[in-house]
Amino acid sequence: MRTLGLFVVALSMVFSFAVAGFASGEHPGGHGDVVVGEIVKAEGAFVTVKDDHGKSHKFHVDKSTHLKGKIKAGAKVEVEATDGGHAISMTVKE
C-alpha cells in the first residue's frame, strides 16, 4: 500500500513538471509566436529581426531551428519562436 502511495506521488510530480514545461512555451515541436520582418543583424547564435512596426526581436538559433533560405542581414523572414526567444523555425520570404 505504501508503494502505491509513493507511485501516485511520483506520478503527480512528473505530471506537474510536464504541464509547467508545456505552459512555458519551451517545448520542442510546439507552436509559438510568429514575427515577420527584416533581419538587421545575424551574429553567432543570435538573429535580430525588426518587425513591420519597428520593434526589434532577438532570437536564439541553433541546430534544432528549422532554417529555410539564406539567413543574412536585409533578408525578409518569418520566425516562429518560443516565448523565451528561441527560434523554432526561420523562413526567408521572397
C-alpha atoms as a PDB file:
ATOM      1  CA  MET A   1       0.000   0.000   0.000  1.00  0.00           C
ATOM      2  CA  ARG A   2       2.874   2.355   0.826  1.00  0.00           C
ATOM      3  CA  THR A   3       4.456   1.610  -2.566  1.00  0.00           C
ATOM      4  CA  LEU A   4       1.241   2.579  -4.326  1.00  0.00           C
ATOM      5  CA  GLY A   5       1.155   5.858  -2.407  1.00  0.00           C
ATOM      6  CA  LEU A   6       4.742   6.677  -3.400  1.00  0.00           C
ATOM      7  CA  PHE A   7       3.957   5.802  -7.001  1.00  0.00           C
ATOM      8  CA  VAL A   8       0.978   8.185  -7.031  1.00  0.00           C
ATOM      9  CA  VAL A   9       3.066  10.999  -5.519  1.00  0.00           C
ATOM     10  CA  ALA A  10       5.873  10.436  -8.045  1.00  0.00           C
ATOM     11  CA  LEU A  11       3.415  10.347 -10.945  1.00  0.00           C
ATOM     12  CA  SER A  12       1.811  13.585  -9.735  1.00  0.00           C
ATOM     13  CA  MET A  13       5.208  15.303  -9.623  1.00  0.00           C
ATOM     14  CA  VAL A  14       6.114  14.163 -13.137  1.00  0.00           C
ATOM     15  CA  PHE A  15       2.767  15.389 -14.449  1.00  0.00           C
ATOM     16  CA  SER A  16       3.231  18.767 -12.693  1.00  0.00           C
ATOM     17  CA  PHE A  17       6.642  19.297 -14.301  1.00  0.00           C
ATOM     18  CA  ALA A  18       5.328  18.289 -17.714  1.00  0.00           C
ATOM     19  CA  VAL A  19       2.446  20.760 -17.502  1.00  0.00           C
ATOM     20  CA  ALA A  20       4.792  23.534 -16.363  1.00  0.00           C
ATOM     21  CA  GLY A  21       7.167  22.805 -19.270  1.00  0.00           C
ATOM     22  CA  PHE A  22       4.426  22.944 -21.873  1.00  0.00           C
ATOM     23  CA  ALA A  23       2.939  26.098 -20.361  1.00  0.00           C
ATOM     24  CA  SER A  24       6.300  27.878 -20.593  1.00  0.00           C
ATOM     25  CA  GLY A  25       6.361  27.571 -24.372  1.00  0.00           C
ATOM     26  CA  GLU A  26       9.787  25.947 -24.296  1.00  0.00           C
ATOM     27  CA  HIS A  27       8.695  22.538 -25.546  1.00  0.00           C
ATOM     28  CA  PRO A  28      10.107  21.097 -28.770  1.00  0.00           C
ATOM     29  CA  GLY A  29       7.777  20.895 -31.722  1.00  0.00           C
ATOM     30  CA  GLY A  30       5.385  23.375 -30.194  1.00  0.00           C
ATOM     31  CA  HIS A  31       3.957  26.404 -31.874  1.00  0.00           C
ATOM     32  CA  GLY A  32       4.968  29.805 -30.598  1.00  0.00           C
ATOM     33  CA  ASP A  33       4.663  33.411 -31.627  1.00  0.00           C
ATOM     34  CA  VAL A  34       5.244  34.403 -35.240  1.00  0.00           C
ATOM     35  CA  VAL A  35       7.243  37.507 -36.162  1.00  0.00           C
ATOM     36  CA  VAL A  36       7.558  38.796 -39.730  1.00  0.00           C
ATOM     37  CA  GLY A  37      10.239  41.355 -40.519  1.00  0.00           C
ATOM     38  CA  GLU A  38      13.723  42.089 -41.773  1.00  0.00           C
ATOM     39  CA  ILE A  39      16.968  40.715 -40.366  1.00  0.00           C
ATOM     40  CA  VAL A  40      19.032  43.632 -39.114  1.00  0.00           C
ATOM     41  CA  LYS A  41      21.797  41.556 -37.523  1.00  0.00           C
ATOM     42  CA  ALA A  42      22.907  37.923 -37.690  1.00  0.00           C
ATOM     43  CA  GLU A  43      25.781  37.259 -35.328  1.00  0.00           C
ATOM     44  CA  GLY A  44      26.808  33.943 -33.804  1.00  0.00           C
ATOM     45  CA  ALA A  45      23.792  32.083 -32.429  1.00  0.00           C
ATOM     46  CA  PHE A  46      21.555  35.175 -32.448  1.00  0.00           C
ATOM     47  CA  VAL A  47      19.496  36.874 -35.140  1.00  0.00           C
ATOM     48  CA  THR A  48      17.835  40.261 -34.640  1.00  0.00           C
ATOM     49  CA  VAL A  49      14.677  40.937 -36.662  1.00  0.00           C
ATOM     50  CA  LYS A  50      12.882  44.294 -36.932  1.00  0.00           C
ATOM     51  CA  ASP A  51       9.149  43.760 -37.430  1.00  0.00           C
ATOM     52  CA  ASP A  52       6.774  45.879 -39.540  1.00  0.00           C
ATOM     53  CA  HIS A  53       6.032  48.070 -36.505  1.00  0.00           C
ATOM     54  CA  GLY A  54       9.711  48.900 -35.976  1.00  0.00           C
ATOM     55  CA  LYS A  55      10.163  46.686 -32.909  1.00  0.00           C
ATOM     56  CA  SER A  56      13.363  44.615 -32.697  1.00  0.00           C
ATOM     57  CA  HIS A  57      13.238  40.955 -31.659  1.00  0.00           C
ATOM     58  CA  LYS A  58      16.346  38.926 -30.789  1.00  0.00           C
ATOM     59  CA  PHE A  59      16.152  35.189 -31.462  1.00  0.00           C
ATOM     60  CA  HIS A  60      18.425  32.332 -30.461  1.00  0.00           C
ATOM     61  CA  VAL A  61      19.148  29.980 -33.373  1.00  0.00           C
ATOM     62  CA  ASP A  62      20.727  26.535 -33.006  1.00  0.00           C
ATOM     63  CA  LYS A  63      20.756  23.127 -34.693  1.00  0.00           C
ATOM     64  CA  SER A  64      17.158  22.476 -33.620  1.00  0.00           C
ATOM     65  CA  THR A  65      15.928  25.563 -35.539  1.00  0.00           C
ATOM     66  CA  HIS A  66      14.381  24.735 -38.929  1.00  0.00           C
ATOM     67  CA  LEU A  67      16.043  27.154 -41.370  1.00  0.00           C
ATOM     68  CA  LYS A  68      14.669  27.735 -44.876  1.00  0.00           C
ATOM     69  CA  GLY A  69      16.701  30.032 -47.107  1.00  0.00           C
ATOM     70  CA  LYS A  70      19.855  32.107 -46.628  1.00  0.00           C
ATOM     71  CA  ILE A  71      19.841  33.881 -43.268  1.00  0.00           C
ATOM     72  CA  LYS A  72      21.601  37.240 -43.720  1.00  0.00           C
ATOM     73  CA  ALA A  73      21.132  40.913 -42.910  1.00  0.00           C
ATOM     74  CA  GLY A  74      18.474  42.527 -45.094  1.00  0.00           C
ATOM     75  CA  ALA A  75      16.521  39.304 -45.717  1.00  0.00           C
ATOM     76  CA  LYS A  76      12.774  39.346 -45.090  1.00  0.00           C
ATOM     77  CA  VAL A  77      11.874  36.479 -42.763  1.00  0.00           C
ATOM     78  CA  GLU A  78       9.055  34.815 -40.891  1.00  0.00           C
ATOM     79  CA  VAL A  79      10.142  33.492 -37.499  1.00  0.00           C
ATOM     80  CA  GLU A  80       8.222  31.128 -35.250  1.00  0.00           C
ATOM     81  CA  ALA A  81       9.660  31.336 -31.746  1.00  0.00           C
ATOM     82  CA  THR A  82       9.024  30.393 -28.144  1.00  0.00           C
ATOM     83  CA  ASP A  83       8.185  32.998 -25.527  1.00  0.00           C
ATOM     84  CA  GLY A  84      11.795  32.621 -24.365  1.00  0.00           C
ATOM     85  CA  GLY A  85      13.165  33.830 -27.719  1.00  0.00           C
ATOM     86  CA  HIS A  86      14.313  30.519 -29.189  1.00  0.00           C
ATOM     87  CA  ALA A  87      13.602  30.329 -32.931  1.00  0.00           C
ATOM     88  CA  ILE A  88      11.669  27.158 -33.752  1.00  0.00           C
ATOM     89  CA  SER A  89      11.734  27.981 -37.468  1.00  0.00           C
ATOM     90  CA  MET A  90      13.024  30.807 -39.655  1.00  0.00           C
ATOM     91  CA  THR A  91      11.859  31.125 -43.265  1.00  0.00           C
ATOM     92  CA  VAL A  92      13.243  33.630 -45.763  1.00  0.00           C
ATOM     93  CA  LYS A  93      10.445  35.311 -47.734  1.00  0.00           C
ATOM     94  CA  GLU A  94      10.875  36.212 -51.415  1.00  0.00           C
END
